[in-house]
Amino acid sequence: MRVMVVGGGGREHAIVKALKKSKKVTELYVLPGNGGMEEDAVCVDIGAKDLDEIVAFALDKKIEYAVVAPDDPLVLGLVDRLNEKGIPCFGPDKKAAIIEGSKAFSKELMKKYDIPTAEYRTFSDRDAAVAYLKEKGAPIVVKADGLALGKGVVIAQTTKEAIDAVDSMMTERKFGQSGARVVIEEFLTGPEVSVLAFTDGKVVKPMVSSMDHKRALDGDKGLNTGGMGTIAPNPYYTREIAERCMKEIFLPTINAMNKEGRTFRGCLYFGLMITENGPKVIEYNCRFGDPETQVVLPLLKSDLLDVMIATTNGTLAETEVEFFDECACCVVMASAGYPASYEKGFEITLGETDGVYVAGAKKVDGKLLTSGGRVLGVTATAPTLRTAVDAAYEKVKKIEFRNAFYRRDIGRRALLAEE
């Protein structure tokens, strides 16, 4: 099959590497990809939001299956556009992608169908939002309604910090139209768990659970980032919790979307918090998470293309989705200063490419150079979490680029939980 993957980061590199293992894949393209993916797929310089050009390319190359990985093209309706031309896709259509495209929609969905989540209010008026914050106090969570590259969430420790977040989103429009509305939520406590799940709109087959590390600095300090590393499986996600999530969250969400006429097919990401009152939804994403994909897919035993096609065709119930009984750790190597300002353009020396997922890099005159905040995701798998963590950091030691920066405690919280 001639397969096309839309996207250009570490998540897409992990998807490409997994698809490459399928014997059914004869040609593999990635749009736009990046300089570090060229050994695994043909990179085509078309941006993930250039819908017209993507459709034209797919028709020209007679693409037989497309994987739309990032949130923006999903919310913009790329799956709909490709389907209109007879090209089957992995990923939700525009009507279903709203589950991530609007936090207000997803919160209202959960309220309507009794899916456990934090208490919340939605505001389109800045003064009303501020009055509510003064009434509720802190800590409290402020979220931009729309897509914001994973950065539109502020966990405010003081009321002033929360008001500043509202002003940044609603008045200064830091995230453009995405911040025209804000969702203000109660602050929940407990371990966080990420669960990515395959679904064809009828059945749900969860992948291995994972634990993301969002803060930039060791000890979960510093600014929120797109993710500085992750491990799988998450020790807090016990069999009992998994059963509750399936019954109280996963299937009810799929059923709710069906009732709303928004059948979801593809990968639905559940961001969960295990509170003292049980698991609750923090957020939904309409696609694979990043960097969660970089630990989940290396543990997938089944053929990824087979599973993806089953979500499209509605045959997931009859399709095996099997994972290796192992653990994985991904350490993100970033540019110093990320997620704020950082320098780029430095040459990368890779010790090895196995388990190394390239996110922010480009090829110039045959050299791989840094071109983003998160540069690489360095992943290792092993029989135990301890050995996976150690192996990932051993790989990191063999990679060099100027101003390289990474957390040194990825997996530490999970290891303590295991004890």
Protein backbone atom coordinates (compact mmCIF):
# COMPACT_ATOMS: atom_id res chain seq x y z
CA MET A 1 0.00 0.00 0.00
CA ARG A 2 1.04 3.58 -0.70
CA VAL A 3 0.72 5.30 2.69
CA MET A 4 0.98 8.97 3.62
CA VAL A 5 1.52 10.39 7.14
CA VAL A 6 0.69 14.06 7.76
CA GLY A 7 2.85 15.84 10.35
CA GLY A 8 6.48 16.56 11.08
CA GLY A 9 7.40 15.97 14.72
CA GLY A 10 8.59 13.24 17.06
CA ARG A 11 5.11 11.72 17.26
CA GLU A 12 4.99 11.38 13.47
CA HIS A 13 8.47 9.87 13.41
CA ALA A 14 7.30 7.21 15.89
CA ILE A 15 4.24 6.51 13.71
CA VAL A 16 6.42 6.29 10.58
CA LYS A 17 8.87 3.87 12.24
CA ALA A 18 5.97 1.66 13.38
CA LEU A 19 4.27 1.69 9.95
CA LYS A 20 7.58 0.86 8.28
CA LYS A 21 7.49 -2.53 10.02
CA SER A 22 4.28 -3.48 8.20
CA LYS A 23 4.83 -5.79 5.21
CA LYS A 24 1.80 -4.19 3.55
CA VAL A 25 3.51 -0.78 3.21
CA THR A 26 5.21 -0.45 -0.19
CA GLU A 27 5.65 3.34 -0.30
CA LEU A 28 5.71 5.66 2.72
CA TYR A 29 5.53 9.45 2.54
CA VAL A 30 5.51 12.01 5.36
CA LEU A 31 4.30 15.61 4.91
CA PRO A 32 6.31 17.65 5.78
CA GLY A 33 8.40 15.32 7.94
CA ASN A 34 11.80 16.65 9.00
CA GLY A 35 15.49 16.13 8.31
CA GLY A 36 15.73 13.23 10.71
CA MET A 37 12.98 11.15 9.06
CA GLU A 38 14.55 10.80 5.63
CA GLU A 39 15.92 7.31 6.32
CA ASP A 40 12.44 6.03 7.23
CA ALA A 41 10.14 7.73 4.70
CA VAL A 42 10.08 10.11 1.74
CA CYS A 43 9.74 13.63 3.18
CA VAL A 44 7.60 16.02 1.14
CA ASP A 45 7.78 19.75 1.84
CA ILE A 46 4.06 20.40 2.30
CA GLY A 47 2.85 21.84 5.62
CA ALA A 48 0.33 19.95 7.74
CA LYS A 49 -2.21 22.80 7.39
CA ASP A 50 -1.84 23.15 3.59
CA LEU A 51 -4.99 21.11 2.95
CA ASP A 52 -5.29 21.83 -0.79
CA GLU A 53 -1.69 20.81 -1.47
CA ILE A 54 -1.98 17.68 0.68
CA VAL A 55 -5.08 16.51 -1.21
CA ALA A 56 -3.44 17.24 -4.57
CA PHE A 57 -0.32 15.29 -3.56
CA ALA A 58 -2.39 12.33 -2.35
CA LEU A 59 -4.23 12.17 -5.67
CA ASP A 60 -1.04 12.58 -7.71
CA LYS A 61 0.74 9.74 -5.86
CA LYS A 62 -2.40 7.57 -5.77
CA ILE A 63 -2.19 7.32 -1.97
CA GLU A 64 -4.20 4.34 -0.71
CA TYR A 65 -4.26 5.23 3.00
CA ALA A 66 -3.56 8.44 4.92
CA VAL A 67 -2.68 8.94 8.58
CA VAL A 68 -3.53 12.45 9.80
CA ALA A 69 -1.55 12.85 13.03
CA PRO A 70 -1.61 16.49 14.29
CA ASP A 71 -4.58 18.29 15.81
CA ASP A 72 -4.71 21.28 13.44
CA PRO A 73 -5.42 19.44 10.16
CA LEU A 74 -7.90 17.16 11.95
CA VAL A 75 -9.85 20.10 13.36
CA LEU A 76 -9.65 21.86 9.96
CA GLY A 77 -11.28 18.83 8.31
CA LEU A 78 -8.45 17.19 6.32
CA VAL A 79 -9.96 13.73 6.85
CA ASP A 80 -13.23 14.95 5.31
CA ARG A 81 -11.36 16.42 2.33
CA LEU A 82 -9.42 13.20 1.67
CA ASN A 83 -12.49 11.00 2.15
CA GLU A 84 -14.35 13.08 -0.46
CA LYS A 85 -11.64 12.05 -2.91
CA GLY A 86 -11.98 8.38 -1.98
CA ILE A 87 -8.87 8.20 0.19
CA PRO A 88 -9.46 6.35 3.49
CA CYS A 89 -7.86 7.89 6.58
CA PHE A 90 -6.83 7.19 10.14
CA GLY A 91 -8.21 9.99 12.29
CA PRO A 92 -11.55 11.60 13.11
CA ASP A 93 -13.52 13.81 10.74
CA LYS A 94 -14.07 17.49 11.50
CA LYS A 95 -17.32 16.92 13.43
CA ALA A 96 -15.61 14.46 15.81
CA ALA A 97 -12.29 16.36 16.11
CA ILE A 98 -14.16 19.13 17.96
CA ILE A 99 -13.68 17.02 21.10
CA GLU A 100 -10.19 18.56 21.17
CA GLY A 101 -10.86 21.62 19.03
CA SER A 102 -13.14 23.12 21.69
CA LYS A 103 -12.61 22.54 25.39
CA ALA A 104 -16.01 24.11 26.03
CA PHE A 105 -17.61 21.46 23.79
CA SER A 106 -15.83 18.60 25.54
CA LYS A 107 -16.74 19.88 29.02
CA GLU A 108 -20.38 20.29 28.00
CA LEU A 109 -20.34 16.76 26.54
CA MET A 110 -19.03 15.33 29.83
CA LYS A 111 -21.60 17.25 31.85
CA LYS A 112 -24.48 16.15 29.61
CA TYR A 113 -23.53 12.45 29.71
CA ASP A 114 -22.29 12.24 33.33
CA ILE A 115 -18.65 11.53 32.46
CA PRO A 116 -16.52 12.35 35.53
CA THR A 117 -14.50 15.56 35.19
CA ALA A 118 -13.63 18.72 37.13
CA GLU A 119 -16.29 21.33 37.86
CA TYR A 120 -16.03 24.20 35.39
CA ARG A 121 -17.48 27.39 33.89
CA THR A 122 -17.01 28.76 30.36
CA PHE A 123 -16.57 32.50 29.71
CA SER A 124 -16.56 34.74 26.63
CA ASP A 125 -16.45 37.92 28.75
CA ARG A 126 -13.20 38.88 30.49
CA ASP A 127 -14.81 40.75 33.42
CA ALA A 128 -17.19 37.87 34.17
CA ALA A 129 -14.25 35.43 34.15
CA VAL A 130 -12.27 37.64 36.56
CA ALA A 131 -15.25 37.99 38.91
CA TYR A 132 -15.61 34.20 38.97
CA LEU A 133 -11.89 33.76 39.74
CA LYS A 134 -12.11 36.23 42.64
CA GLU A 135 -15.09 34.31 43.99
CA LYS A 136 -13.44 30.88 43.69
CA GLY A 137 -9.83 31.70 44.61
CA ALA A 138 -6.76 29.57 43.86
CA PRO A 139 -5.35 27.11 42.99
CA ILE A 140 -7.49 26.99 39.87
CA VAL A 141 -7.06 26.03 36.19
CA VAL A 142 -7.50 28.40 33.23
CA LYS A 143 -7.72 26.93 29.70
CA ALA A 144 -7.95 28.52 26.27
CA ASP A 145 -10.99 27.02 24.55
CA GLY A 146 -9.28 26.23 21.23
CA LEU A 147 -6.02 24.66 20.06
CA ALA A 148 -2.87 26.23 21.50
CA LEU A 149 -0.02 23.81 20.70
CA GLY A 150 -0.50 22.13 24.08
CA LYS A 151 0.35 25.39 25.89
CA GLY A 152 -3.10 26.90 26.47
CA VAL A 153 -3.46 25.64 30.04
CA VAL A 154 -2.39 27.55 33.16
CA ILE A 155 -2.47 25.94 36.61
CA ALA A 156 -2.66 29.11 38.66
CA GLN A 157 -1.43 29.00 42.26
CA THR A 158 -2.74 32.49 43.05
CA THR A 159 -5.79 34.49 41.98
CA LYS A 160 -3.50 37.11 40.40
CA GLU A 161 -1.80 34.43 38.32
CA ALA A 162 -5.22 33.22 37.16
CA ILE A 163 -6.36 36.74 36.22
CA ASP A 164 -3.07 37.28 34.34
CA ALA A 165 -3.77 34.07 32.42
CA VAL A 166 -7.26 35.26 31.48
CA ASP A 167 -5.86 38.62 30.31
CA SER A 168 -3.14 36.90 28.32
CA MET A 169 -5.69 34.68 26.54
CA MET A 170 -8.74 36.95 26.21
CA THR A 171 -7.30 40.48 26.02
CA GLU A 172 -3.78 40.06 24.61
CA ARG A 173 -4.91 37.09 22.45
CA LYS A 174 -1.70 35.14 23.07
CA PHE A 175 -3.30 32.16 21.31
CA GLY A 176 -5.32 34.14 18.76
CA GLN A 177 -8.98 33.16 18.43
CA SER A 178 -8.32 30.04 20.56
CA GLY A 179 -8.36 32.28 23.63
CA ALA A 180 -11.53 34.23 22.78
CA ARG A 181 -13.32 31.85 25.15
CA VAL A 182 -11.81 30.36 28.29
CA VAL A 183 -12.75 27.41 30.46
CA ILE A 184 -12.08 27.79 34.20
CA GLU A 185 -11.90 24.52 36.13
CA GLU A 186 -11.53 23.41 39.70
CA PHE A 187 -8.03 22.26 40.61
CA LEU A 188 -7.91 18.48 41.02
CA THR A 189 -5.18 16.53 42.78
CA GLY A 190 -3.86 13.03 42.22
CA PRO A 191 -1.59 11.12 39.84
CA GLU A 192 -2.03 11.90 36.14
CA VAL A 193 -2.36 9.15 33.56
CA SER A 194 -2.43 9.31 29.76
CA VAL A 195 -4.34 6.58 27.91
CA LEU A 196 -4.38 6.53 24.12
CA ALA A 197 -7.10 4.32 22.68
CA PHE A 198 -7.93 2.95 19.24
CA THR A 199 -11.62 3.18 18.40
CA ASP A 200 -13.81 2.59 15.37
CA GLY A 201 -16.78 4.36 16.95
CA LYS A 202 -18.13 1.11 18.38
CA VAL A 203 -15.42 -0.56 20.46
CA VAL A 204 -12.47 0.89 22.37
CA LYS A 205 -9.08 -0.83 22.56
CA PRO A 206 -6.79 1.10 24.93
CA MET A 207 -3.05 1.18 24.40
CA VAL A 208 -0.48 0.87 27.18
CA SER A 209 -0.94 3.65 29.76
CA SER A 210 1.76 6.29 30.16
CA MET A 211 2.96 9.12 32.41
CA ASP A 212 3.98 12.45 30.86
CA HIS A 213 6.38 14.95 32.45
CA LYS A 214 5.11 18.41 31.45
CA ARG A 215 7.30 20.75 33.48
CA ALA A 216 10.60 21.92 32.02
CA LEU A 217 12.79 21.28 35.06
CA ASP A 218 13.65 18.40 37.39
CA GLY A 219 11.28 17.88 40.28
CA ASP A 220 8.31 19.00 38.15
CA LYS A 221 9.38 22.63 38.36
CA GLY A 222 9.57 25.38 35.74
CA LEU A 223 7.27 26.23 32.85
CA ASN A 224 4.75 23.89 31.28
CA THR A 225 6.03 22.38 28.03
CA GLY A 226 4.69 20.08 25.35
CA GLY A 227 6.27 17.25 27.37
CA MET A 228 9.86 16.60 28.50
CA GLY A 229 9.59 12.82 28.60
CA THR A 230 7.32 9.93 29.39
CA ILE A 231 7.24 6.34 30.62
CA ALA A 232 4.96 3.38 30.06
CA PRO A 233 3.12 1.68 31.59
CA ASN A 234 1.95 4.06 34.31
CA PRO A 235 2.10 2.29 37.73
CA TYR A 236 -0.90 4.28 39.01
CA TYR A 237 -3.09 2.82 36.27
CA THR A 238 -4.03 -0.43 37.99
CA ARG A 239 -6.30 -3.14 36.58
CA GLU A 240 -9.11 -1.87 38.84
CA ILE A 241 -8.68 1.72 37.62
CA ALA A 242 -8.56 0.50 34.00
CA GLU A 243 -11.87 -1.33 34.44
CA ARG A 244 -13.48 1.77 35.98
CA CYS A 245 -12.19 3.96 33.14
CA MET A 246 -13.60 1.65 30.49
CA LYS A 247 -17.00 1.57 32.20
CA GLU A 248 -17.24 5.18 33.40
CA ILE A 249 -15.20 7.15 30.83
CA PHE A 250 -14.05 5.40 27.63
CA LEU A 251 -17.23 3.71 26.42
CA PRO A 252 -19.51 6.52 27.70
CA THR A 253 -17.44 9.03 25.69
CA ILE A 254 -17.69 7.01 22.47
CA ASN A 255 -21.43 6.50 23.03
CA ALA A 256 -21.91 10.19 23.78
CA MET A 257 -20.18 11.19 20.55
CA ASN A 258 -22.39 8.76 18.62
CA LYS A 259 -25.53 10.24 20.18
CA GLU A 260 -24.33 13.72 19.20
CA GLY A 261 -23.92 12.58 15.58
CA ARG A 262 -20.14 12.92 15.85
CA THR A 263 -18.90 9.30 15.62
CA PHE A 264 -15.21 9.22 16.54
CA ARG A 265 -12.81 6.95 14.64
CA GLY A 266 -9.05 6.93 15.13
CA CYS A 267 -7.00 7.52 18.27
CA LEU A 268 -8.78 9.17 21.20
CA TYR A 269 -6.43 10.39 23.92
CA PHE A 270 -7.75 10.44 27.47
CA GLY A 271 -5.86 12.70 29.88
CA LEU A 272 -6.91 11.43 33.30
CA MET A 273 -6.37 12.23 36.96
CA ILE A 274 -6.81 9.54 39.60
CA THR A 275 -8.50 11.55 42.36
CA GLU A 276 -9.64 10.31 45.78
CA ASN A 277 -13.11 10.06 44.19
CA GLY A 278 -11.88 7.94 41.29
CA PRO A 279 -10.61 8.69 37.77
CA LYS A 280 -11.67 11.96 36.12
CA VAL A 281 -11.06 13.40 32.66
CA ILE A 282 -8.70 16.37 32.51
CA GLU A 283 -8.71 16.59 28.71
CA TYR A 284 -9.42 14.79 25.47
CA ASN A 285 -7.15 14.88 22.43
CA CYS A 286 -8.36 13.75 19.02
CA ARG A 287 -5.02 12.12 18.10
CA PHE A 288 -1.88 10.41 19.38
CA GLY A 289 -0.15 12.33 22.18
CA ASP A 290 3.40 13.66 21.98
CA PRO A 291 5.65 12.34 23.53
CA GLU A 292 3.35 9.51 24.72
CA THR A 293 3.40 7.96 21.23
CA GLN A 294 7.18 7.55 21.52
CA VAL A 295 6.77 5.05 24.39
CA VAL A 296 3.46 3.44 23.42
CA LEU A 297 4.11 2.46 19.80
CA PRO A 298 7.51 0.80 20.47
CA LEU A 299 5.56 -1.59 22.75
CA LEU A 300 2.95 -2.42 20.08
CA LYS A 301 3.25 -6.04 18.94
CA SER A 302 0.45 -5.94 16.36
CA ASP A 303 0.77 -4.48 12.85
CA LEU A 304 -0.05 -0.76 13.25
CA LEU A 305 -1.42 -0.43 9.71
CA ASP A 306 -3.83 -3.34 10.29
CA VAL A 307 -5.13 -1.71 13.47
CA MET A 308 -5.48 1.70 11.83
CA ILE A 309 -7.41 0.30 8.87
CA ALA A 310 -9.71 -1.55 11.31
CA THR A 311 -10.63 1.77 12.97
CA THR A 312 -11.52 3.15 9.55
CA ASN A 313 -13.49 0.09 8.41
CA GLY A 314 -15.33 -0.54 11.69
CA THR A 315 -13.68 -3.94 12.21
CA LEU A 316 -11.71 -3.23 15.38
CA ALA A 317 -13.67 -5.85 17.37
CA GLU A 318 -12.20 -8.61 15.17
CA THR A 319 -8.68 -7.11 15.02
CA GLU A 320 -5.99 -8.10 17.51
CA VAL A 321 -4.31 -5.22 19.34
CA GLU A 322 -1.45 -6.74 21.31
CA PHE A 323 1.42 -5.14 23.22
CA PHE A 324 4.73 -6.51 24.47
CA ASP A 325 4.87 -7.10 28.24
CA GLU A 326 7.70 -4.59 28.66
CA CYS A 327 8.35 -1.03 29.81
CA ALA A 328 9.50 2.04 27.91
CA CYS A 329 11.07 5.41 28.76
CA CYS A 330 11.44 8.44 26.49
CA VAL A 331 13.73 11.35 27.42
CA VAL A 332 13.18 14.54 25.41
CA MET A 333 16.36 16.39 24.46
CA ALA A 334 15.45 20.04 23.97
CA SER A 335 17.17 23.34 23.16
CA ALA A 336 18.22 25.27 26.27
CA GLY A 337 15.62 27.96 27.01
CA TYR A 338 12.64 25.90 25.77
CA PRO A 339 9.68 26.53 26.08
CA ALA A 340 10.59 30.24 26.05
CA SER A 341 13.32 31.58 23.71
CA TYR A 342 16.13 29.34 22.46
CA GLU A 343 18.86 29.26 19.83
CA LYS A 344 18.84 26.79 16.95
CA GLY A 345 20.98 25.71 14.01
CA PHE A 346 23.44 23.51 15.92
CA GLU A 347 24.72 20.25 14.45
CA ILE A 348 23.40 17.04 16.00
CA THR A 349 25.64 14.02 16.43
CA LEU A 350 23.56 10.88 16.91
CA GLY A 351 25.11 7.92 18.73
CA GLU A 352 22.48 5.63 17.20
CA THR A 353 19.12 5.98 15.45
CA ASP A 354 17.25 3.02 16.97
CA GLY A 355 14.61 4.43 19.33
CA VAL A 356 15.56 8.03 18.49
CA TYR A 357 12.61 10.10 17.26
CA VAL A 358 13.47 13.39 15.59
CA ALA A 359 11.18 16.33 16.35
CA GLY A 360 12.85 19.70 15.78
CA ALA A 361 15.66 19.19 13.27
CA LYS A 362 16.44 19.89 9.62
CA LYS A 363 19.01 18.70 7.09
CA VAL A 364 21.38 21.32 5.65
CA ASP A 365 24.23 20.19 3.35
CA GLY A 366 23.91 16.66 4.67
CA LYS A 367 24.15 17.75 8.33
CA LEU A 368 21.33 17.38 10.87
CA LEU A 369 20.77 20.72 12.66
CA THR A 370 18.51 21.73 15.54
CA SER A 371 15.45 23.69 14.36
CA GLY A 372 13.01 23.61 17.28
CA GLY A 373 12.47 23.59 21.02
CA ARG A 374 12.03 19.86 21.46
CA VAL A 375 14.73 18.33 19.27
CA LEU A 376 14.76 14.57 19.95
CA GLY A 377 12.82 11.91 21.84
CA VAL A 378 15.21 9.21 22.99
CA THR A 379 13.41 5.96 23.83
CA ALA A 380 14.44 2.60 25.24
CA THR A 381 12.37 -0.49 26.01
CA ALA A 382 13.27 -3.15 28.56
CA PRO A 383 11.69 -5.83 30.79
CA THR A 384 11.51 -3.44 33.77
CA LEU A 385 10.97 0.29 34.14
CA ARG A 386 14.29 0.74 35.94
CA THR A 387 16.25 -0.86 33.09
CA ALA A 388 14.26 1.10 30.48
CA VAL A 389 15.02 4.40 32.24
CA ASP A 390 18.73 3.56 32.58
CA ALA A 391 18.95 2.47 28.94
CA ALA A 392 17.27 5.67 27.70
CA TYR A 393 19.75 7.84 29.60
CA GLU A 394 22.66 5.76 28.27
CA LYS A 395 21.46 6.59 24.75
CA VAL A 396 21.17 10.28 25.66
CA LYS A 397 24.84 10.32 26.73
CA LYS A 398 25.86 9.31 23.19
CA ILE A 399 24.01 12.20 21.51
CA GLU A 400 25.53 15.66 21.22
CA PHE A 401 24.41 19.11 20.13
CA ARG A 402 25.25 22.55 21.50
CA ASN A 403 22.85 23.86 24.19
CA ALA A 404 21.29 20.42 24.64
CA PHE A 405 18.97 20.34 27.64
CA TYR A 406 16.96 17.53 29.22
CA ARG A 407 15.41 16.51 32.51
CA ARG A 408 17.39 14.00 34.55
CA ASP A 409 14.48 12.59 36.52
CA ILE A 410 12.16 11.12 33.87
CA GLY A 411 10.54 8.06 35.41
CA ARG A 412 11.58 8.83 39.00
CA ARG A 413 8.01 9.38 40.21
CA ALA A 414 6.87 6.15 38.58
CA LEU A 415 9.73 4.18 40.10
CA LEU A 416 8.84 5.50 43.56
CA ALA A 417 5.21 4.48 42.96
CA GLU A 418 6.31 0.96 42.01
CA GLU A 419 8.15 0.67 45.32
